[in-house]
Amino acid sequence: MAIIYYTASSLDGFIVDSAGSLDWLLSRDIDVDGPFGYKAFEKSVGALVMGSTTYRWVVEHEPGDWTYPQPTWVLTSRSDVVVDGHPVQAVSGDVAQLLPTLVAAAGERDVWIVGGGDVAAQFVTAGLVDELIVSYAPCSLGEGAPVLPVRSEWKLLESAVNGDFVCARWARAAG
């Protein structure tokens, strides 16, 4: 079981552009069954946590029933963010206090920090992230939301090419 921030980034380190769009990402070729592919990763996950902006993006772009079968938490100061009928819990406060709940819900599987970068930064700052998996798209955005807006050190474990992406798996560096 690991706590993993799994995301995609532009070459200059942004997860969305300045307009909040992922068009730059979704137009790229990637094999969901390839190296670092989404399909295998999603199956390895037992619980998810995300910020309210990420949650709203999922709701807007994948309407209908909630996309994920795993228990999901949304970090937000507003309890009215969650759409009625979605098996999602709105929570606020210290991520270190939330972690035992996430781990218990995940069982033997991993906890996925979906994003965004600010949520991931809270977990990284608290020393709670075991791995960072980033798929780098072949473009730069110039501005937007940063992939990880906090200073941290990582050790490369492995990398591979998948379609248009260079994918890398990192572990938190000792120190």
N, C-alpha and C. Protein backbone atom coordinates (compact mmCIF):
# COMPACT_ATOMS: atom_id res chain seq x y z
N MET A 1 0.84 -1.18 0.00
CA MET A 1 0.00 0.00 0.00
C MET A 1 0.89 1.24 0.00
N ALA A 2 0.55 2.18 -0.88
CA ALA A 2 1.33 3.41 -0.98
C ALA A 2 0.40 4.60 -1.18
N ILE A 3 0.89 5.76 -0.83
CA ILE A 3 0.19 7.02 -1.09
C ILE A 3 0.85 7.61 -2.33
N ILE A 4 0.09 7.74 -3.42
CA ILE A 4 0.66 8.10 -4.72
C ILE A 4 -0.04 9.32 -5.30
N TYR A 5 0.75 10.27 -5.72
CA TYR A 5 0.25 11.40 -6.51
C TYR A 5 0.51 11.03 -7.97
N TYR A 6 -0.56 10.68 -8.69
CA TYR A 6 -0.49 10.24 -10.08
C TYR A 6 -1.15 11.32 -10.91
N THR A 7 -0.37 11.91 -11.84
CA THR A 7 -0.88 13.05 -12.58
C THR A 7 -0.17 13.18 -13.92
N ALA A 8 -0.55 14.18 -14.67
CA ALA A 8 0.13 14.53 -15.92
C ALA A 8 0.56 15.98 -15.82
N SER A 9 1.58 16.33 -16.60
CA SER A 9 2.12 17.68 -16.54
C SER A 9 2.62 18.10 -17.91
N SER A 10 2.59 19.40 -18.14
CA SER A 10 3.29 19.95 -19.29
C SER A 10 4.78 19.91 -18.99
N LEU A 11 5.60 20.14 -19.99
CA LEU A 11 7.05 20.14 -19.77
C LEU A 11 7.49 21.21 -18.78
N ASP A 12 6.72 22.30 -18.72
CA ASP A 12 7.09 23.38 -17.80
C ASP A 12 6.36 23.30 -16.46
N GLY A 13 5.78 22.13 -16.17
CA GLY A 13 5.30 21.86 -14.82
C GLY A 13 3.90 22.30 -14.46
N PHE A 14 3.00 22.37 -15.44
CA PHE A 14 1.62 22.75 -15.13
C PHE A 14 0.66 21.59 -15.41
N ILE A 15 -0.39 21.50 -14.56
CA ILE A 15 -1.38 20.43 -14.74
C ILE A 15 -2.63 20.90 -15.46
N VAL A 16 -2.88 22.18 -15.46
CA VAL A 16 -3.93 22.80 -16.29
C VAL A 16 -3.39 24.12 -16.81
N ASP A 17 -3.96 24.59 -17.92
CA ASP A 17 -3.48 25.87 -18.45
C ASP A 17 -4.13 27.03 -17.70
N SER A 18 -3.83 28.24 -18.10
CA SER A 18 -4.31 29.42 -17.37
C SER A 18 -5.82 29.57 -17.43
N ALA A 19 -6.48 28.90 -18.38
CA ALA A 19 -7.94 28.94 -18.47
C ALA A 19 -8.59 27.76 -17.74
N GLY A 20 -7.78 26.93 -17.09
CA GLY A 20 -8.30 25.77 -16.38
C GLY A 20 -8.62 24.60 -17.30
N SER A 21 -8.08 24.62 -18.51
CA SER A 21 -8.38 23.60 -19.52
C SER A 21 -7.35 22.48 -19.52
N LEU A 22 -7.83 21.29 -19.87
CA LEU A 22 -6.97 20.13 -20.07
C LEU A 22 -6.91 19.73 -21.54
N ASP A 23 -7.38 20.59 -22.43
CA ASP A 23 -7.37 20.26 -23.86
C ASP A 23 -5.97 19.90 -24.34
N TRP A 24 -4.96 20.59 -23.82
CA TRP A 24 -3.57 20.33 -24.19
C TRP A 24 -3.16 18.90 -23.84
N LEU A 25 -3.80 18.32 -22.83
CA LEU A 25 -3.49 16.98 -22.36
C LEU A 25 -4.32 15.93 -23.08
N LEU A 26 -5.62 16.17 -23.16
CA LEU A 26 -6.55 15.17 -23.67
C LEU A 26 -6.42 14.94 -25.17
N SER A 27 -5.76 15.84 -25.87
CA SER A 27 -5.56 15.69 -27.32
C SER A 27 -4.34 14.84 -27.65
N ARG A 28 -3.62 14.38 -26.65
CA ARG A 28 -2.37 13.62 -26.85
C ARG A 28 -2.64 12.11 -26.89
N ASP A 29 -1.72 11.40 -27.54
CA ASP A 29 -1.82 9.95 -27.65
C ASP A 29 -1.14 9.29 -26.45
N ILE A 30 -1.88 8.40 -25.78
CA ILE A 30 -1.32 7.59 -24.70
C ILE A 30 -2.08 6.27 -24.67
N ASP A 31 -1.37 5.20 -24.38
CA ASP A 31 -1.97 3.87 -24.29
C ASP A 31 -2.33 3.61 -22.83
N VAL A 32 -3.63 3.52 -22.55
CA VAL A 32 -4.07 3.32 -21.16
C VAL A 32 -3.59 1.98 -20.60
N ASP A 33 -3.20 1.06 -21.48
CA ASP A 33 -2.65 -0.22 -21.06
C ASP A 33 -1.12 -0.26 -21.14
N GLY A 34 -0.51 0.84 -21.57
CA GLY A 34 0.94 0.91 -21.74
C GLY A 34 1.66 1.21 -20.43
N PRO A 35 2.97 1.49 -20.53
CA PRO A 35 3.74 1.81 -19.34
C PRO A 35 3.13 2.98 -18.56
N PHE A 36 2.98 2.80 -17.28
CA PHE A 36 2.38 3.80 -16.39
C PHE A 36 0.94 4.13 -16.81
N GLY A 37 0.30 3.20 -17.50
CA GLY A 37 -1.04 3.43 -18.03
C GLY A 37 -2.09 3.58 -16.95
N TYR A 38 -3.10 4.33 -17.29
CA TYR A 38 -4.17 4.66 -16.36
C TYR A 38 -4.96 3.42 -15.93
N LYS A 39 -5.21 2.50 -16.85
CA LYS A 39 -6.09 1.37 -16.55
C LYS A 39 -5.54 0.52 -15.40
N ALA A 40 -4.28 0.14 -15.48
CA ALA A 40 -3.68 -0.68 -14.41
C ALA A 40 -3.57 0.12 -13.12
N PHE A 41 -3.20 1.39 -13.24
CA PHE A 41 -3.08 2.21 -12.04
C PHE A 41 -4.42 2.32 -11.32
N GLU A 42 -5.47 2.62 -12.06
CA GLU A 42 -6.79 2.81 -11.46
C GLU A 42 -7.24 1.55 -10.72
N LYS A 43 -6.90 0.39 -11.24
CA LYS A 43 -7.26 -0.87 -10.59
C LYS A 43 -6.48 -1.10 -9.30
N SER A 44 -5.31 -0.47 -9.17
CA SER A 44 -4.48 -0.65 -7.98
C SER A 44 -4.89 0.25 -6.82
N VAL A 45 -5.85 1.13 -7.08
CA VAL A 45 -6.24 2.17 -6.12
C VAL A 45 -7.45 1.73 -5.30
N GLY A 46 -7.37 1.96 -3.99
CA GLY A 46 -8.48 1.62 -3.11
C GLY A 46 -9.24 2.81 -2.58
N ALA A 47 -8.64 4.01 -2.65
CA ALA A 47 -9.30 5.24 -2.19
C ALA A 47 -8.69 6.42 -2.93
N LEU A 48 -9.50 7.47 -3.10
CA LEU A 48 -9.07 8.67 -3.81
C LEU A 48 -9.30 9.90 -2.96
N VAL A 49 -8.43 10.89 -3.16
CA VAL A 49 -8.63 12.20 -2.54
C VAL A 49 -8.28 13.25 -3.57
N MET A 50 -9.08 14.30 -3.62
CA MET A 50 -8.87 15.37 -4.59
C MET A 50 -9.37 16.68 -4.02
N GLY A 51 -8.99 17.77 -4.68
CA GLY A 51 -9.49 19.08 -4.30
C GLY A 51 -10.81 19.37 -4.99
N SER A 52 -11.45 20.44 -4.57
CA SER A 52 -12.77 20.77 -5.13
C SER A 52 -12.70 21.17 -6.59
N THR A 53 -11.61 21.80 -7.02
CA THR A 53 -11.49 22.18 -8.44
C THR A 53 -11.40 20.94 -9.31
N THR A 54 -10.62 19.96 -8.89
CA THR A 54 -10.52 18.70 -9.62
C THR A 54 -11.86 17.99 -9.64
N TYR A 55 -12.53 17.95 -8.49
CA TYR A 55 -13.84 17.31 -8.42
C TYR A 55 -14.82 17.98 -9.38
N ARG A 56 -14.87 19.30 -9.37
CA ARG A 56 -15.79 20.01 -10.27
C ARG A 56 -15.46 19.73 -11.73
N TRP A 57 -14.17 19.61 -12.07
CA TRP A 57 -13.79 19.30 -13.44
C TRP A 57 -14.34 17.93 -13.84
N VAL A 58 -14.18 16.94 -12.96
CA VAL A 58 -14.69 15.59 -13.24
C VAL A 58 -16.20 15.63 -13.43
N VAL A 59 -16.91 16.33 -12.57
CA VAL A 59 -18.36 16.43 -12.66
C VAL A 59 -18.78 17.07 -13.99
N GLU A 60 -18.10 18.13 -14.39
CA GLU A 60 -18.44 18.82 -15.64
C GLU A 60 -18.12 18.01 -16.88
N HIS A 61 -17.04 17.25 -16.85
CA HIS A 61 -16.58 16.57 -18.05
C HIS A 61 -16.95 15.09 -18.12
N GLU A 62 -17.44 14.55 -17.03
CA GLU A 62 -17.89 13.16 -17.01
C GLU A 62 -19.24 13.10 -16.29
N PRO A 63 -20.28 13.70 -16.92
CA PRO A 63 -21.57 13.80 -16.25
C PRO A 63 -22.22 12.44 -16.01
N GLY A 64 -23.18 12.44 -15.11
CA GLY A 64 -23.90 11.21 -14.79
C GLY A 64 -23.43 10.64 -13.47
N ASP A 65 -23.46 9.32 -13.40
CA ASP A 65 -23.02 8.65 -12.18
C ASP A 65 -21.55 8.93 -11.91
N TRP A 66 -21.16 8.84 -10.65
CA TRP A 66 -19.78 9.09 -10.28
C TRP A 66 -18.86 8.11 -11.00
N THR A 67 -17.77 8.59 -11.51
CA THR A 67 -16.84 7.86 -12.36
C THR A 67 -16.11 6.73 -11.65
N TYR A 68 -15.76 6.92 -10.41
CA TYR A 68 -14.88 5.98 -9.72
C TYR A 68 -15.65 5.09 -8.75
N PRO A 69 -15.35 3.78 -8.74
CA PRO A 69 -16.01 2.89 -7.78
C PRO A 69 -15.40 2.99 -6.38
N GLN A 70 -14.19 3.52 -6.27
CA GLN A 70 -13.51 3.60 -4.98
C GLN A 70 -14.08 4.72 -4.12
N PRO A 71 -13.98 4.57 -2.81
CA PRO A 71 -14.35 5.67 -1.91
C PRO A 71 -13.53 6.91 -2.24
N THR A 72 -14.19 8.06 -2.24
CA THR A 72 -13.54 9.31 -2.65
C THR A 72 -13.82 10.41 -1.65
N TRP A 73 -12.79 11.21 -1.38
CA TRP A 73 -12.90 12.37 -0.51
C TRP A 73 -12.50 13.61 -1.30
N VAL A 74 -13.22 14.70 -1.06
CA VAL A 74 -12.91 15.99 -1.68
C VAL A 74 -12.51 16.95 -0.57
N LEU A 75 -11.30 17.48 -0.66
CA LEU A 75 -10.84 18.47 0.30
C LEU A 75 -11.43 19.83 -0.07
N THR A 76 -12.25 20.36 0.81
CA THR A 76 -12.91 21.63 0.54
C THR A 76 -13.40 22.24 1.84
N SER A 77 -13.54 23.53 1.84
CA SER A 77 -14.10 24.20 3.02
C SER A 77 -15.62 24.31 2.90
N ARG A 78 -16.16 23.88 1.76
CA ARG A 78 -17.61 23.98 1.52
C ARG A 78 -18.22 22.58 1.38
N SER A 79 -19.16 22.26 2.23
CA SER A 79 -19.78 20.94 2.17
C SER A 79 -20.77 20.81 1.01
N ASP A 80 -21.19 21.93 0.42
CA ASP A 80 -22.18 21.88 -0.66
C ASP A 80 -21.54 21.64 -2.04
N VAL A 81 -20.26 21.35 -2.09
CA VAL A 81 -19.56 21.12 -3.36
C VAL A 81 -19.98 19.79 -3.99
N VAL A 82 -20.19 18.77 -3.17
CA VAL A 82 -20.47 17.43 -3.67
C VAL A 82 -21.89 17.35 -4.24
N VAL A 83 -21.97 16.78 -5.44
CA VAL A 83 -23.24 16.60 -6.14
C VAL A 83 -24.05 15.51 -5.45
N ASP A 84 -25.36 15.77 -5.27
CA ASP A 84 -26.24 14.76 -4.68
C ASP A 84 -26.16 13.46 -5.48
N GLY A 85 -26.10 12.36 -4.79
CA GLY A 85 -26.04 11.06 -5.44
C GLY A 85 -24.64 10.54 -5.67
N HIS A 86 -23.64 11.39 -5.54
CA HIS A 86 -22.26 10.92 -5.69
C HIS A 86 -21.78 10.37 -4.35
N PRO A 87 -21.19 9.18 -4.36
CA PRO A 87 -20.66 8.59 -3.12
C PRO A 87 -19.31 9.20 -2.76
N VAL A 88 -19.33 10.49 -2.53
CA VAL A 88 -18.12 11.27 -2.29
C VAL A 88 -18.32 12.05 -0.99
N GLN A 89 -17.28 12.14 -0.19
CA GLN A 89 -17.37 12.88 1.07
C GLN A 89 -16.56 14.16 0.99
N ALA A 90 -17.16 15.26 1.39
CA ALA A 90 -16.45 16.54 1.49
C ALA A 90 -15.82 16.61 2.87
N VAL A 91 -14.54 16.96 2.92
CA VAL A 91 -13.82 17.07 4.18
C VAL A 91 -12.94 18.31 4.16
N SER A 92 -12.64 18.81 5.34
CA SER A 92 -11.70 19.93 5.46
C SER A 92 -10.76 19.62 6.61
N GLY A 93 -9.71 20.39 6.70
CA GLY A 93 -8.78 20.21 7.81
C GLY A 93 -7.45 19.66 7.38
N ASP A 94 -6.72 19.17 8.35
CA ASP A 94 -5.36 18.68 8.19
C ASP A 94 -5.35 17.33 7.46
N VAL A 95 -4.56 17.22 6.39
CA VAL A 95 -4.51 15.97 5.63
C VAL A 95 -3.93 14.83 6.46
N ALA A 96 -3.07 15.13 7.42
CA ALA A 96 -2.52 14.08 8.28
C ALA A 96 -3.61 13.41 9.10
N GLN A 97 -4.63 14.16 9.47
CA GLN A 97 -5.75 13.58 10.22
C GLN A 97 -6.66 12.76 9.31
N LEU A 98 -6.72 13.12 8.03
CA LEU A 98 -7.53 12.38 7.06
C LEU A 98 -6.87 11.08 6.63
N LEU A 99 -5.55 11.04 6.64
CA LEU A 99 -4.82 9.89 6.11
C LEU A 99 -5.26 8.54 6.67
N PRO A 100 -5.43 8.35 7.99
CA PRO A 100 -5.85 7.04 8.48
C PRO A 100 -7.18 6.57 7.88
N THR A 101 -8.08 7.51 7.63
CA THR A 101 -9.37 7.17 7.01
C THR A 101 -9.15 6.69 5.58
N LEU A 102 -8.28 7.38 4.84
CA LEU A 102 -7.98 7.00 3.45
C LEU A 102 -7.33 5.62 3.40
N VAL A 103 -6.36 5.39 4.28
CA VAL A 103 -5.65 4.12 4.32
C VAL A 103 -6.60 2.98 4.68
N ALA A 104 -7.46 3.20 5.65
CA ALA A 104 -8.43 2.17 6.04
C ALA A 104 -9.37 1.84 4.89
N ALA A 105 -9.82 2.86 4.18
CA ALA A 105 -10.73 2.65 3.05
C ALA A 105 -10.04 1.94 1.90
N ALA A 106 -8.75 2.21 1.70
CA ALA A 106 -8.00 1.60 0.60
C ALA A 106 -7.70 0.13 0.85
N GLY A 107 -7.68 -0.27 2.11
CA GLY A 107 -7.34 -1.66 2.42
C GLY A 107 -5.91 -1.96 2.01
N GLU A 108 -5.72 -2.99 1.21
CA GLU A 108 -4.39 -3.39 0.74
C GLU A 108 -3.96 -2.60 -0.50
N ARG A 109 -4.87 -1.82 -1.05
CA ARG A 109 -4.56 -1.08 -2.28
C ARG A 109 -4.04 0.31 -1.96
N ASP A 110 -3.65 1.03 -3.01
CA ASP A 110 -3.03 2.34 -2.86
C ASP A 110 -4.05 3.46 -2.68
N VAL A 111 -3.58 4.57 -2.14
CA VAL A 111 -4.36 5.80 -2.05
C VAL A 111 -3.87 6.71 -3.17
N TRP A 112 -4.80 7.20 -3.97
CA TRP A 112 -4.48 8.07 -5.10
C TRP A 112 -4.80 9.52 -4.75
N ILE A 113 -3.77 10.34 -4.72
CA ILE A 113 -3.97 11.78 -4.63
C ILE A 113 -4.18 12.23 -6.07
N VAL A 114 -5.42 12.54 -6.42
CA VAL A 114 -5.79 12.84 -7.79
C VAL A 114 -5.30 14.23 -8.18
N GLY A 115 -5.37 15.14 -7.27
CA GLY A 115 -4.95 16.52 -7.55
C GLY A 115 -5.94 17.48 -6.95
N GLY A 116 -5.73 18.66 -7.18
CA GLY A 116 -4.65 19.27 -7.93
C GLY A 116 -3.37 19.41 -7.13
N GLY A 117 -2.53 20.25 -7.69
CA GLY A 117 -1.21 20.46 -7.12
C GLY A 117 -1.23 20.96 -5.69
N ASP A 118 -2.19 21.82 -5.36
CA ASP A 118 -2.26 22.33 -3.99
C ASP A 118 -2.59 21.23 -2.99
N VAL A 119 -3.49 20.32 -3.38
CA VAL A 119 -3.82 19.19 -2.51
C VAL A 119 -2.59 18.29 -2.36
N ALA A 120 -1.94 17.99 -3.47
CA ALA A 120 -0.73 17.16 -3.42
C ALA A 120 0.32 17.82 -2.54
N ALA A 121 0.46 19.13 -2.64
CA ALA A 121 1.45 19.85 -1.84
C ALA A 121 1.17 19.71 -0.34
N GLN A 122 -0.10 19.68 0.04
CA GLN A 122 -0.42 19.50 1.46
C GLN A 122 0.08 18.14 1.95
N PHE A 123 -0.15 17.10 1.15
CA PHE A 123 0.31 15.76 1.52
C PHE A 123 1.83 15.67 1.51
N VAL A 124 2.47 16.28 0.51
CA VAL A 124 3.94 16.26 0.43
C VAL A 124 4.55 17.00 1.61
N THR A 125 4.02 18.17 1.92
CA THR A 125 4.53 18.97 3.04
C THR A 125 4.43 18.20 4.36
N ALA A 126 3.36 17.42 4.50
CA ALA A 126 3.17 16.62 5.71
C ALA A 126 4.00 15.33 5.69
N GLY A 127 4.75 15.10 4.61
CA GLY A 127 5.58 13.90 4.51
C GLY A 127 4.80 12.63 4.27
N LEU A 128 3.64 12.73 3.62
CA LEU A 128 2.74 11.60 3.50
C LEU A 128 2.73 10.94 2.12
N VAL A 129 3.44 11.48 1.15
CA VAL A 129 3.42 10.92 -0.20
C VAL A 129 4.61 9.97 -0.37
N ASP A 130 4.30 8.73 -0.78
CA ASP A 130 5.35 7.73 -1.01
C ASP A 130 5.91 7.83 -2.42
N GLU A 131 5.02 8.04 -3.39
CA GLU A 131 5.45 8.06 -4.78
C GLU A 131 4.76 9.18 -5.55
N LEU A 132 5.46 9.63 -6.56
CA LEU A 132 4.95 10.63 -7.49
C LEU A 132 5.09 10.01 -8.87
N ILE A 133 3.97 9.88 -9.60
CA ILE A 133 4.00 9.35 -10.96
C ILE A 133 3.48 10.46 -11.87
N VAL A 134 4.34 10.91 -12.78
CA VAL A 134 3.99 12.02 -13.66
C VAL A 134 4.19 11.60 -15.11
N SER A 135 3.18 11.85 -15.93
CA SER A 135 3.29 11.66 -17.38
C SER A 135 3.46 13.04 -17.99
N TYR A 136 4.62 13.27 -18.60
CA TYR A 136 4.95 14.59 -19.14
C TYR A 136 4.54 14.67 -20.61
N ALA A 137 3.67 15.64 -20.92
CA ALA A 137 3.21 15.86 -22.29
C ALA A 137 4.23 16.73 -23.03
N PRO A 138 4.34 16.56 -24.35
CA PRO A 138 5.34 17.28 -25.13
C PRO A 138 4.89 18.70 -25.49
N CYS A 139 4.63 19.50 -24.47
CA CYS A 139 4.24 20.89 -24.70
C CYS A 139 4.56 21.71 -23.46
N SER A 140 4.63 23.01 -23.65
CA SER A 140 4.75 23.92 -22.51
C SER A 140 3.55 24.84 -22.54
N LEU A 141 3.11 25.26 -21.37
CA LEU A 141 1.90 26.09 -21.25
C LEU A 141 2.22 27.53 -20.87
N GLY A 142 3.36 27.77 -20.29
CA GLY A 142 3.74 29.13 -19.90
C GLY A 142 3.17 29.58 -18.57
N GLU A 143 1.97 29.15 -18.28
CA GLU A 143 1.34 29.46 -16.99
C GLU A 143 0.17 28.51 -16.78
N GLY A 144 -0.32 28.49 -15.56
CA GLY A 144 -1.41 27.59 -15.20
C GLY A 144 -1.26 27.17 -13.75
N ALA A 145 -1.84 26.03 -13.41
CA ALA A 145 -1.73 25.48 -12.06
C ALA A 145 -0.53 24.54 -12.00
N PRO A 146 0.41 24.80 -11.08
CA PRO A 146 1.62 23.97 -11.02
C PRO A 146 1.34 22.55 -10.53
N VAL A 147 2.13 21.62 -11.03
CA VAL A 147 1.97 20.22 -10.68
C VAL A 147 2.24 19.97 -9.19
N LEU A 148 3.19 20.69 -8.62
CA LEU A 148 3.52 20.52 -7.21
C LEU A 148 4.16 21.80 -6.68
N PRO A 149 3.34 22.71 -6.18
CA PRO A 149 3.84 24.03 -5.77
C PRO A 149 4.47 24.08 -4.38
N VAL A 150 5.40 23.16 -4.15
CA VAL A 150 6.12 23.12 -2.88
C VAL A 150 7.49 22.51 -3.15
N ARG A 151 8.48 22.98 -2.45
CA ARG A 151 9.82 22.42 -2.62
C ARG A 151 9.87 21.02 -2.02
N SER A 152 10.40 20.09 -2.79
CA SER A 152 10.56 18.72 -2.32
C SER A 152 11.61 18.02 -3.18
N GLU A 153 12.18 16.97 -2.64
CA GLU A 153 13.23 16.21 -3.33
C GLU A 153 12.73 14.79 -3.60
N TRP A 154 13.04 14.28 -4.80
CA TRP A 154 12.56 12.97 -5.23
C TRP A 154 13.70 12.19 -5.87
N LYS A 155 13.59 10.87 -5.83
CA LYS A 155 14.55 9.98 -6.46
C LYS A 155 13.83 9.21 -7.57
N LEU A 156 14.37 9.26 -8.78
CA LEU A 156 13.76 8.56 -9.91
C LEU A 156 13.88 7.05 -9.72
N LEU A 157 12.73 6.36 -9.81
CA LEU A 157 12.71 4.91 -9.69
C LEU A 157 12.69 4.24 -11.06
N GLU A 158 11.90 4.81 -11.98
CA GLU A 158 11.82 4.26 -13.33
C GLU A 158 11.15 5.27 -14.25
N SER A 159 11.38 5.07 -15.55
CA SER A 159 10.74 5.93 -16.55
C SER A 159 10.49 5.11 -17.81
N ALA A 160 9.57 5.61 -18.63
CA ALA A 160 9.23 4.93 -19.88
C ALA A 160 8.52 5.91 -20.80
N VAL A 161 8.48 5.56 -22.06
CA VAL A 161 7.72 6.34 -23.04
C VAL A 161 6.39 5.63 -23.25
N ASN A 162 5.31 6.39 -23.25
CA ASN A 162 3.98 5.87 -23.55
C ASN A 162 3.31 6.85 -24.50
N GLY A 163 3.20 6.47 -25.76
CA GLY A 163 2.60 7.37 -26.75
C GLY A 163 3.40 8.66 -26.84
N ASP A 164 2.71 9.78 -26.68
CA ASP A 164 3.35 11.09 -26.73
C ASP A 164 4.04 11.47 -25.42
N PHE A 165 3.92 10.66 -24.40
CA PHE A 165 4.35 11.04 -23.05
C PHE A 165 5.64 10.36 -22.62
N VAL A 166 6.41 11.07 -21.82
CA VAL A 166 7.50 10.48 -21.05
C VAL A 166 6.97 10.38 -19.63
N CYS A 167 6.94 9.17 -19.11
CA CYS A 167 6.36 8.92 -17.79
C CYS A 167 7.47 8.58 -16.81
N ALA A 168 7.32 9.07 -15.60
CA ALA A 168 8.35 8.84 -14.59
C ALA A 168 7.71 8.53 -13.24
N ARG A 169 8.33 7.60 -12.52
CA ARG A 169 7.89 7.25 -11.17
C ARG A 169 9.01 7.62 -10.21
N TRP A 170 8.65 8.40 -9.21
CA TRP A 170 9.62 8.95 -8.26
C TRP A 170 9.25 8.51 -6.84
N ALA A 171 10.27 8.35 -5.99
CA ALA A 171 10.06 8.12 -4.56
C ALA A 171 10.61 9.32 -3.82
N ARG A 172 10.02 9.61 -2.69
CA ARG A 172 10.49 10.72 -1.87
C ARG A 172 11.94 10.46 -1.47
N ALA A 173 12.81 11.42 -1.72
CA ALA A 173 14.22 11.28 -1.38
C ALA A 173 14.39 11.37 0.14
N ALA A 174 15.31 10.59 0.66
CA ALA A 174 15.58 10.63 2.10
C ALA A 174 16.18 11.98 2.46
N GLY A 175 15.88 12.42 3.64
CA GLY A 175 16.49 13.67 4.07
C GLY A 175 15.52 14.53 4.68
